[in-house]
Amino acid sequence: MTRISYIIGLIKRGVCLRPWGSMLTLVACWFALSQLVLVLYVVETANRATLMPGTTNSMMAYLVSPLADTRIDAIQDRISVMDEVSRVEYIPRRQGLARMKQWLGPDNPLIDGLDPEVLPDALEIRIRRKHSGEMQSIAAGLLAIEEIEDVRYSRGIIGHIAGSFRIICIVSALITLIVVICLSLVIFLSIRVGIAARAREVEVMSLLGADGFFLYAPYLIEACLYGIIGSLLALGSTQVVINSLLGRVPVFLSLVMPLNIHHIIEVIFFACLCSITAAVLAIRGSRHV
């Protein structure tokens, strides 16, 4: 108990000795982690957009029911030989309901208790990119097939987001790498400065027989606190920004969902992992000086 109170006292003293430095470190952590949370929102939104029918140069053709499997295969073969079509996938009604649950969420009241038998079977038709401007004429040709009762597609802003999913993932990975480097560097420098400020005290305590954990645990805890507090501030501030955006651009209401508890835990864990790793590197570097 004495050790814990002593460690807490050292952390308080360190923050009081360099209040502005501690504040700037926390602000830098908040800013870096806010970028990470926004990246997470963007990737989740783009992924949800790809699950929506009629995006990424595709259209949904809904079939009359019931149809024999041989007839469905014949329709698929007929559509797949069209020059504008790159792929045709049969989506039975139960699979269609599973997609809706993944898109809207399993607890959405719109699909809660929905019987899949009331849904139509469908064909998801991928259009070659060079024919993406001919969606209307392609849909008209599909409606000429007797067994197809409806064709739907949508390219608007949601379609463009879905079509850019791969690029979004690549850019998000690069931003995440930059966030890791910046966050680790900020924590590393802050802890290094803190150790330098107490260098004489640490040396005396070491000569008196204090072990390494007792000497450097305050810095590990301080780094962990930066990660936890910074991630909580980032989660809260980004949620405010997202809510404000949704209030002004309601088209995203069906796409942007609040982060679930798993995402929140992942962000906090990631922040603590980066912070502690940077603190360990700072401690090891100071012991070799």
Protein backbone atom coordinates (compact mmCIF):
# COMPACT_ATOMS: atom_id res chain seq x y z
CA MET A 1 0.00 0.00 0.00
CA THR A 2 2.90 2.30 0.83
CA ARG A 3 4.45 1.67 -2.57
CA ILE A 4 1.21 2.49 -4.37
CA SER A 5 0.72 5.75 -2.48
CA TYR A 6 4.35 6.66 -3.12
CA ILE A 7 3.96 5.97 -6.87
CA ILE A 8 0.78 8.07 -7.00
CA GLY A 9 2.61 10.86 -5.20
CA LEU A 10 5.43 10.74 -7.75
CA ILE A 11 2.96 10.97 -10.61
CA LYS A 12 1.28 14.01 -9.03
CA ARG A 13 4.63 15.65 -8.41
CA GLY A 14 5.76 15.00 -11.98
CA VAL A 15 2.59 16.56 -13.40
CA CYS A 16 2.92 19.57 -11.08
CA LEU A 17 6.56 20.08 -12.09
CA ARG A 18 5.65 20.29 -15.79
CA PRO A 19 1.91 21.12 -15.98
CA TRP A 20 2.07 22.67 -19.44
CA GLY A 21 4.10 19.79 -20.80
CA SER A 22 1.61 17.29 -19.37
CA MET A 23 -1.31 19.29 -20.79
CA LEU A 24 0.26 19.49 -24.25
CA THR A 25 0.99 15.75 -24.16
CA LEU A 26 -2.63 15.01 -23.33
CA VAL A 27 -3.87 17.34 -26.09
CA ALA A 28 -1.52 15.68 -28.59
CA CYS A 29 -2.80 12.23 -27.52
CA TRP A 30 -6.40 13.39 -27.87
CA PHE A 31 -5.77 14.81 -31.34
CA ALA A 32 -3.93 11.70 -32.59
CA LEU A 33 -6.54 9.31 -31.18
CA SER A 34 -9.36 11.44 -32.61
CA GLN A 35 -7.89 10.77 -36.06
CA LEU A 36 -7.88 7.06 -35.27
CA VAL A 37 -11.53 7.09 -34.15
CA LEU A 38 -12.55 9.04 -37.26
CA VAL A 39 -10.70 6.52 -39.42
CA LEU A 40 -12.63 3.75 -37.68
CA TYR A 41 -15.91 5.54 -38.41
CA VAL A 42 -14.96 5.99 -42.07
CA VAL A 43 -14.01 2.33 -42.58
CA GLU A 44 -17.15 1.08 -40.84
CA THR A 45 -19.30 3.46 -42.91
CA ALA A 46 -17.69 2.39 -46.18
CA ASN A 47 -18.07 -1.27 -45.23
CA ARG A 48 -21.75 -0.74 -44.45
CA ALA A 49 -22.19 1.02 -47.80
CA THR A 50 -20.86 -2.05 -49.63
CA LEU A 51 -23.62 -4.14 -48.03
CA MET A 52 -26.36 -1.94 -49.44
CA PRO A 53 -27.98 -3.24 -52.62
CA GLY A 54 -27.30 -1.37 -55.82
CA THR A 55 -23.86 0.00 -54.97
CA THR A 56 -20.33 -0.55 -56.34
CA ASN A 57 -21.56 -0.78 -59.96
CA SER A 58 -24.19 -3.37 -59.15
CA MET A 59 -27.95 -3.76 -59.30
CA MET A 60 -30.47 -6.06 -57.71
CA ALA A 61 -32.97 -7.93 -59.91
CA TYR A 62 -35.89 -9.30 -57.87
CA LEU A 63 -37.48 -12.51 -59.14
CA VAL A 64 -41.11 -13.56 -59.19
CA SER A 65 -41.87 -16.46 -56.86
CA PRO A 66 -41.82 -19.36 -56.94
CA LEU A 67 -39.20 -20.35 -59.51
CA ALA A 68 -37.56 -23.72 -60.03
CA ASP A 69 -33.81 -23.95 -59.55
CA THR A 70 -33.35 -24.89 -63.22
CA ARG A 71 -35.18 -21.75 -64.29
CA ILE A 72 -33.09 -19.57 -61.99
CA ASP A 73 -29.93 -21.11 -63.44
CA ALA A 74 -31.19 -20.38 -66.94
CA ILE A 75 -31.83 -16.73 -66.06
CA GLN A 76 -28.36 -16.43 -64.53
CA ASP A 77 -26.79 -17.89 -67.68
CA ARG A 78 -28.79 -15.51 -69.85
CA ILE A 79 -27.69 -12.45 -67.87
CA SER A 80 -24.06 -13.52 -67.43
CA VAL A 81 -23.47 -13.55 -71.21
CA MET A 82 -24.43 -9.88 -71.50
CA ASP A 83 -21.45 -7.71 -72.44
CA GLU A 84 -22.20 -5.21 -69.65
CA VAL A 85 -22.26 -7.85 -66.89
CA SER A 86 -19.16 -9.13 -65.11
CA ARG A 87 -20.83 -11.43 -62.56
CA VAL A 88 -24.24 -12.66 -61.45
CA GLU A 89 -24.89 -14.01 -57.95
CA TYR A 90 -28.11 -15.64 -56.79
CA ILE A 91 -29.30 -14.27 -53.43
CA PRO A 92 -32.02 -16.48 -51.87
CA ARG A 93 -34.46 -14.74 -49.57
CA ARG A 94 -32.88 -16.09 -46.37
CA GLN A 95 -29.46 -14.81 -47.41
CA GLY A 96 -31.08 -11.50 -48.32
CA LEU A 97 -32.55 -11.25 -44.81
CA ALA A 98 -29.11 -12.02 -43.33
CA ARG A 99 -27.64 -9.17 -45.37
CA MET A 100 -30.36 -6.81 -44.14
CA LYS A 101 -29.56 -7.76 -40.55
CA GLN A 102 -25.88 -7.09 -41.17
CA TRP A 103 -26.69 -3.77 -42.80
CA LEU A 104 -29.41 -2.48 -40.46
CA GLY A 105 -28.36 -4.33 -37.32
CA PRO A 106 -29.98 -7.48 -35.90
CA ASP A 107 -32.11 -5.51 -33.42
CA ASN A 108 -33.53 -3.04 -35.93
CA PRO A 109 -37.35 -2.91 -35.52
CA LEU A 110 -37.79 -2.89 -39.30
CA ILE A 111 -36.60 -6.50 -39.57
CA ASP A 112 -37.24 -7.79 -36.06
CA GLY A 113 -39.28 -10.97 -36.45
CA LEU A 114 -39.45 -10.61 -40.23
CA ASP A 115 -40.34 -13.87 -41.99
CA PRO A 116 -37.88 -14.46 -44.86
CA GLU A 117 -40.68 -16.10 -46.88
CA VAL A 118 -42.24 -12.68 -47.52
CA LEU A 119 -39.05 -11.50 -49.25
CA PRO A 120 -38.31 -12.15 -52.94
CA ASP A 121 -35.33 -14.08 -54.25
CA ALA A 122 -32.89 -11.86 -56.08
CA LEU A 123 -29.93 -11.73 -58.41
CA GLU A 124 -27.07 -9.38 -57.62
CA ILE A 125 -25.65 -8.26 -60.95
CA ARG A 126 -22.20 -6.68 -61.15
CA ILE A 127 -21.77 -4.24 -64.02
CA ARG A 128 -18.44 -3.72 -65.74
CA ARG A 129 -16.95 -0.38 -64.79
CA LYS A 130 -16.84 0.90 -68.37
CA HIS A 131 -20.63 0.42 -68.57
CA SER A 132 -21.42 2.09 -65.23
CA GLY A 133 -23.07 5.01 -67.06
CA GLU A 134 -25.57 2.69 -68.76
CA MET A 135 -27.39 1.50 -65.63
CA GLN A 136 -30.79 2.73 -66.83
CA SER A 137 -30.65 0.94 -70.18
CA ILE A 138 -29.29 -2.23 -68.55
CA ALA A 139 -32.14 -2.20 -66.03
CA ALA A 140 -34.65 -1.83 -68.87
CA GLY A 141 -33.15 -4.85 -70.60
CA LEU A 142 -33.38 -6.92 -67.43
CA LEU A 143 -37.03 -5.97 -66.89
CA ALA A 144 -37.75 -7.46 -70.32
CA ILE A 145 -37.07 -10.89 -68.80
CA GLU A 146 -40.44 -12.30 -67.76
CA GLU A 147 -39.26 -13.76 -64.44
CA ILE A 148 -37.79 -10.46 -63.20
CA GLU A 149 -40.41 -8.24 -61.58
CA ASP A 150 -38.22 -5.36 -60.36
CA VAL A 151 -34.71 -3.96 -60.79
CA ARG A 152 -33.15 -1.50 -58.37
CA TYR A 153 -29.87 0.31 -58.31
CA SER A 154 -28.43 3.45 -56.78
CA ARG A 155 -25.21 5.19 -57.54
CA GLY A 156 -25.44 8.50 -55.59
CA ILE A 157 -23.01 9.38 -52.85
CA ILE A 158 -23.49 6.05 -51.05
CA GLY A 159 -22.61 4.16 -54.20
CA HIS A 160 -19.44 6.19 -54.66
CA ILE A 161 -18.43 5.53 -51.04
CA ALA A 162 -18.96 1.80 -51.54
CA GLY A 163 -17.02 1.85 -54.79
CA SER A 164 -14.06 3.47 -53.03
CA PHE A 165 -13.95 0.93 -50.17
CA ARG A 166 -10.56 -0.52 -51.12
CA ILE A 167 -8.93 2.91 -51.47
CA ILE A 168 -10.50 3.98 -48.17
CA CYS A 169 -8.99 0.94 -46.43
CA ILE A 170 -5.52 1.64 -47.85
CA VAL A 171 -5.62 5.33 -46.88
CA SER A 172 -6.99 4.42 -43.44
CA ALA A 173 -4.11 2.00 -42.88
CA LEU A 174 -1.60 4.74 -43.73
CA ILE A 175 -3.33 7.22 -41.40
CA THR A 176 -3.34 4.61 -38.63
CA LEU A 177 0.41 4.08 -39.09
CA ILE A 178 0.98 7.85 -38.85
CA VAL A 179 -1.17 7.99 -35.70
CA VAL A 180 0.86 5.17 -34.11
CA ILE A 181 4.14 6.95 -34.86
CA CYS A 182 2.92 10.36 -33.64
CA LEU A 183 1.27 9.01 -30.48
CA SER A 184 4.30 6.90 -29.56
CA LEU A 185 6.69 9.78 -30.23
CA VAL A 186 4.70 12.22 -28.08
CA ILE A 187 4.57 9.79 -25.14
CA PHE A 188 8.24 8.86 -25.60
CA LEU A 189 9.39 12.49 -25.43
CA SER A 190 7.12 13.31 -22.49
CA ILE A 191 8.33 10.37 -20.42
CA ARG A 192 11.93 11.04 -21.39
CA VAL A 193 11.62 14.63 -20.15
CA GLY A 194 9.99 13.42 -16.93
CA ILE A 195 12.81 10.97 -16.28
CA ALA A 196 15.43 13.64 -16.99
CA ALA A 197 13.75 15.97 -14.47
CA ARG A 198 14.12 13.31 -11.76
CA ALA A 199 17.47 11.88 -12.90
CA ARG A 200 19.30 12.72 -9.67
CA GLU A 201 16.50 11.36 -7.49
CA VAL A 202 16.33 8.14 -9.52
CA GLU A 203 20.09 7.69 -9.24
CA VAL A 204 20.02 8.11 -5.45
CA MET A 205 17.09 5.70 -5.05
CA SER A 206 18.88 3.18 -7.24
CA LEU A 207 22.01 3.39 -5.07
CA LEU A 208 19.82 2.78 -2.01
CA GLY A 209 18.65 -0.48 -3.52
CA ALA A 210 15.28 0.42 -5.09
CA ASP A 211 14.34 -2.00 -7.87
CA GLY A 212 13.62 -0.92 -11.44
CA PHE A 213 9.86 -1.42 -11.19
CA PHE A 214 9.64 0.81 -8.12
CA LEU A 215 11.66 3.53 -9.86
CA TYR A 216 9.94 3.49 -13.25
CA ALA A 217 6.39 2.30 -12.50
CA PRO A 218 5.16 5.94 -12.15
CA TYR A 219 6.16 6.61 -15.76
CA LEU A 220 4.40 3.50 -17.04
CA ILE A 221 1.24 4.43 -15.14
CA GLU A 222 1.48 8.03 -16.34
CA ALA A 223 1.80 6.87 -19.96
CA CYS A 224 -1.17 4.52 -19.51
CA LEU A 225 -3.24 7.39 -18.09
CA TYR A 226 -2.39 9.53 -21.12
CA GLY A 227 -3.68 6.72 -23.33
CA ILE A 228 -6.89 6.13 -21.37
CA ILE A 229 -7.82 9.79 -20.87
CA GLY A 230 -6.84 10.72 -24.43
CA SER A 231 -8.88 7.88 -25.93
CA LEU A 232 -11.95 8.72 -23.82
CA LEU A 233 -11.73 12.38 -24.84
CA ALA A 234 -11.29 11.35 -28.48
CA LEU A 235 -14.29 9.00 -28.39
CA GLY A 236 -16.47 11.67 -26.80
CA SER A 237 -15.43 14.54 -29.06
CA THR A 238 -15.73 12.53 -32.28
CA GLN A 239 -19.18 11.36 -31.27
CA VAL A 240 -20.22 14.99 -30.87
CA VAL A 241 -18.82 15.80 -34.32
CA ILE A 242 -20.54 12.78 -35.91
CA ASN A 243 -23.89 13.66 -34.31
CA SER A 244 -23.56 17.23 -35.59
CA LEU A 245 -22.75 15.96 -39.09
CA LEU A 246 -25.72 13.59 -39.12
CA GLY A 247 -28.00 16.45 -38.10
CA ARG A 248 -26.91 18.43 -41.15
CA VAL A 249 -26.52 15.54 -43.66
CA PRO A 250 -29.36 13.10 -42.93
CA VAL A 251 -28.45 10.92 -45.95
CA PHE A 252 -25.80 9.29 -43.75
CA LEU A 253 -28.26 8.30 -41.02
CA SER A 254 -28.61 4.79 -42.47
CA LEU A 255 -24.85 4.38 -42.82
CA VAL A 256 -23.12 5.90 -39.81
CA MET A 257 -23.76 3.92 -36.64
CA PRO A 258 -22.37 4.58 -33.14
CA LEU A 259 -19.28 2.58 -32.26
CA ASN A 260 -20.14 -0.52 -30.26
CA ILE A 261 -18.52 -1.53 -26.98
CA HIS A 262 -15.96 -3.73 -28.78
CA HIS A 263 -14.73 -0.78 -30.85
CA ILE A 264 -14.48 1.40 -27.74
CA ILE A 265 -12.44 -1.24 -25.89
CA GLU A 266 -10.20 -1.70 -28.95
CA VAL A 267 -9.46 2.04 -29.13
CA ILE A 268 -8.63 2.28 -25.41
CA PHE A 269 -6.48 -0.88 -25.55
CA PHE A 270 -4.66 0.36 -28.64
CA ALA A 271 -3.95 3.74 -27.00
CA CYS A 272 -2.64 2.10 -23.82
CA LEU A 273 -0.49 -0.34 -25.79
CA CYS A 274 1.15 2.45 -27.81
CA SER A 275 1.64 4.61 -24.70
CA ILE A 276 3.18 1.87 -22.56
CA THR A 277 5.42 0.70 -25.40
CA ALA A 278 6.69 4.26 -25.90
CA ALA A 279 7.23 4.64 -22.15
CA VAL A 280 9.22 1.40 -22.00
CA LEU A 281 11.43 2.58 -24.86
CA ALA A 282 11.97 5.93 -23.10
CA ILE A 283 12.89 4.18 -19.85
CA ARG A 284 15.31 1.80 -21.56
CA GLY A 285 16.91 4.68 -23.42
CA SER A 286 17.37 6.73 -20.24
CA ARG A 287 18.98 3.80 -18.40
CA HIS A 288 21.66 3.54 -21.06
CA VAL A 289 22.52 7.23 -20.96
